[in-house]
Amino acid sequence: MPLFSRLLSVFLLVLCLAPSNGMAQVGINTATPLSTLDLNGNLSLKAIGITTAFVGGPAGNATPINDGVYLSLTPTPGNVEFIVPNASTVPGRIYILRNISNTVTAQLYSFGGLFFAKDSNTATAAPLNMPGNATMKTLILISDGANWTYIF
């Protein structure tokens, strides 16, 4: 079982057994946790599409992104669209997306929730364009439970 799955299992078990006062803290490799989950060590996350990347969908039929953390996106001419879940259904979810094409721009949509740049209170119109050879080739997306914040 991968480390992340084990950590998640331990966290969920402890969460179920924790007192209902909401003050429980879990430490992994630390005797005095200072946060709800305090990890002293390395963390591995599920990576999807490193060797076989997600291939984009054609206009109006975007390839859904709903699994993994680090995802390689491969847009091809005519197949450039990708879509993340509704932000309200995956609060706290984080994606690291990389356009691994050097020439084709990937287009990113959402099933729900707007896109906001890290330091902006104005939504960015969809699609988010991820060029193959410029800024925003790699994006970090974070769901706040209503919208998506992106960092590049």
Protein backbone atom coordinates (compact mmCIF):
# COMPACT_ATOMS: atom_id res chain seq x y z
CA MET A 1 0.00 0.00 0.00
CA PRO A 2 1.51 3.41 -0.97
CA LEU A 3 2.60 5.72 1.84
CA PHE A 4 -0.09 8.31 1.05
CA SER A 5 -2.83 5.65 1.28
CA ARG A 6 -1.43 4.43 4.60
CA LEU A 7 -1.23 7.97 5.94
CA LEU A 8 -4.76 8.68 4.81
CA SER A 9 -6.00 5.45 6.41
CA VAL A 10 -4.28 6.27 9.71
CA PHE A 11 -5.63 9.81 9.62
CA LEU A 12 -9.19 8.65 8.98
CA LEU A 13 -8.98 6.00 11.71
CA VAL A 14 -7.73 8.51 14.24
CA LEU A 15 -10.34 11.02 13.11
CA CYS A 16 -13.10 8.48 13.75
CA LEU A 17 -11.74 7.66 17.21
CA ALA A 18 -10.97 11.25 18.19
CA PRO A 19 -13.04 13.09 20.80
CA SER A 20 -15.89 15.11 19.36
CA ASN A 21 -14.53 18.40 20.68
CA GLY A 22 -12.63 19.02 17.42
CA MET A 23 -9.33 19.55 19.18
CA ALA A 24 -7.68 16.23 18.19
CA GLN A 25 -4.22 16.41 16.68
CA VAL A 26 -2.48 13.58 14.86
CA GLY A 27 1.27 13.35 14.66
CA ILE A 28 3.11 11.06 12.29
CA ASN A 29 6.74 10.69 13.34
CA THR A 30 6.29 13.39 15.96
CA ALA A 31 5.32 13.06 19.63
CA THR A 32 3.89 16.58 19.91
CA PRO A 33 1.76 17.45 16.86
CA LEU A 34 1.24 21.18 16.42
CA SER A 35 -1.47 20.92 13.73
CA THR A 36 -4.51 18.74 13.09
CA LEU A 37 -2.20 16.56 10.99
CA ASP A 38 1.50 17.07 11.70
CA LEU A 39 3.78 15.05 9.44
CA ASN A 40 7.49 14.88 10.19
CA GLY A 41 8.91 13.20 7.10
CA ASN A 42 8.31 12.81 3.40
CA LEU A 43 4.92 12.62 1.77
CA SER A 44 4.20 10.83 -1.49
CA LEU A 45 1.08 11.63 -3.47
CA LYS A 46 -0.62 9.73 -6.24
CA ALA A 47 0.73 10.82 -9.61
CA ILE A 48 -1.28 10.23 -12.76
CA GLY A 49 -0.11 10.53 -16.30
CA ILE A 50 3.62 10.75 -15.77
CA THR A 51 4.44 8.06 -18.32
CA THR A 52 1.10 8.12 -20.16
CA ALA A 53 -0.35 11.60 -20.00
CA PHE A 54 -4.00 12.62 -20.15
CA VAL A 55 -4.83 13.45 -23.76
CA GLY A 56 -7.13 16.41 -24.32
CA GLY A 57 -10.65 16.15 -25.63
CA PRO A 58 -12.14 17.89 -28.66
CA ALA A 59 -14.18 21.09 -28.40
CA GLY A 60 -17.18 20.54 -26.14
CA ASN A 61 -15.93 17.13 -24.96
CA ALA A 62 -13.15 17.97 -22.49
CA THR A 63 -11.15 15.20 -20.82
CA PRO A 64 -12.25 15.07 -17.13
CA ILE A 65 -9.61 15.40 -14.44
CA ASN A 66 -10.82 13.80 -11.22
CA ASP A 67 -8.02 11.64 -9.85
CA GLY A 68 -4.44 12.10 -8.76
CA VAL A 69 -2.47 15.12 -7.70
CA TYR A 70 0.30 15.63 -10.25
CA LEU A 71 -1.04 15.24 -13.77
CA SER A 72 0.69 15.53 -17.12
CA LEU A 73 -1.60 16.97 -19.77
CA THR A 74 -0.99 16.31 -23.47
CA PRO A 75 -3.01 18.57 -25.73
CA THR A 76 -2.87 17.68 -29.41
CA PRO A 77 -4.18 19.74 -32.33
CA GLY A 78 -7.97 19.62 -32.12
CA ASN A 79 -7.89 17.91 -28.68
CA VAL A 80 -6.92 20.60 -26.21
CA GLU A 81 -9.69 20.65 -23.56
CA PHE A 82 -9.48 19.40 -19.97
CA ILE A 83 -12.02 19.91 -17.16
CA VAL A 84 -11.71 19.77 -13.36
CA PRO A 85 -14.58 18.82 -11.00
CA ASN A 86 -17.00 21.27 -9.45
CA ALA A 87 -15.00 23.04 -6.72
CA SER A 88 -17.90 22.71 -4.28
CA THR A 89 -17.77 18.89 -4.45
CA VAL A 90 -14.03 18.66 -3.71
CA PRO A 91 -13.17 21.31 -1.08
CA GLY A 92 -9.48 21.40 -0.28
CA ARG A 93 -8.48 19.35 -3.33
CA ILE A 94 -5.17 20.31 -4.94
CA TYR A 95 -4.04 19.52 -8.46
CA ILE A 96 -0.65 20.16 -10.00
CA LEU A 97 -1.15 20.26 -13.76
CA ARG A 98 1.62 20.42 -16.36
CA ASN A 99 1.20 20.84 -20.09
CA ILE A 100 3.89 18.52 -21.42
CA SER A 101 3.46 19.64 -25.02
CA ASN A 102 6.00 22.21 -26.17
CA THR A 103 3.81 23.58 -28.94
CA VAL A 104 0.07 23.11 -28.23
CA THR A 105 -1.86 25.15 -25.65
CA ALA A 106 -4.03 23.18 -23.20
CA GLN A 107 -7.39 24.71 -22.24
CA LEU A 108 -8.74 24.15 -18.73
CA TYR A 109 -12.41 24.35 -17.74
CA SER A 110 -14.37 23.63 -14.54
CA PHE A 111 -17.64 21.73 -14.00
CA GLY A 112 -18.39 24.38 -11.36
CA GLY A 113 -16.63 27.24 -9.64
CA LEU A 114 -14.72 30.13 -11.10
CA PHE A 115 -10.95 30.44 -11.58
CA PHE A 116 -9.13 33.07 -9.52
CA ALA A 117 -5.43 33.93 -9.81
CA LYS A 118 -3.57 33.64 -6.50
CA ASP A 119 -3.64 37.36 -5.76
CA SER A 120 -6.85 38.45 -7.50
CA ASN A 121 -10.45 38.91 -6.43
CA THR A 122 -11.59 39.00 -10.07
CA ALA A 123 -12.42 35.74 -11.79
CA THR A 124 -10.43 34.74 -14.86
CA ALA A 125 -12.60 33.85 -17.83
CA ALA A 126 -12.57 30.18 -18.77
CA PRO A 127 -10.79 28.52 -20.32
CA LEU A 128 -7.49 28.91 -18.53
CA ASN A 129 -4.90 28.63 -21.26
CA MET A 130 -1.79 26.62 -20.45
CA PRO A 131 0.69 27.32 -23.26
CA GLY A 132 3.32 24.76 -24.11
CA ASN A 133 6.17 27.24 -24.02
CA ALA A 134 5.34 30.14 -21.70
CA THR A 135 4.13 31.17 -18.24
CA MET A 136 1.29 28.97 -16.96
CA LYS A 137 2.73 25.80 -18.53
CA THR A 138 2.38 24.42 -14.98
CA LEU A 139 -0.52 25.34 -12.68
CA ILE A 140 -1.38 24.51 -9.10
CA LEU A 141 -5.17 24.51 -8.58
CA ILE A 142 -6.73 24.62 -5.11
CA SER A 143 -10.45 24.27 -4.38
CA ASP A 144 -11.74 26.51 -1.60
CA GLY A 145 -15.09 24.70 -1.65
CA ALA A 146 -16.69 27.20 -4.02
CA ASN A 147 -14.07 28.24 -6.59
CA TRP A 148 -10.59 27.33 -7.85
CA THR A 149 -7.48 29.36 -7.02
CA TYR A 150 -4.57 28.91 -9.39
CA ILE A 151 -0.88 29.57 -8.91
CA PHE A 152 1.70 29.43 -11.67
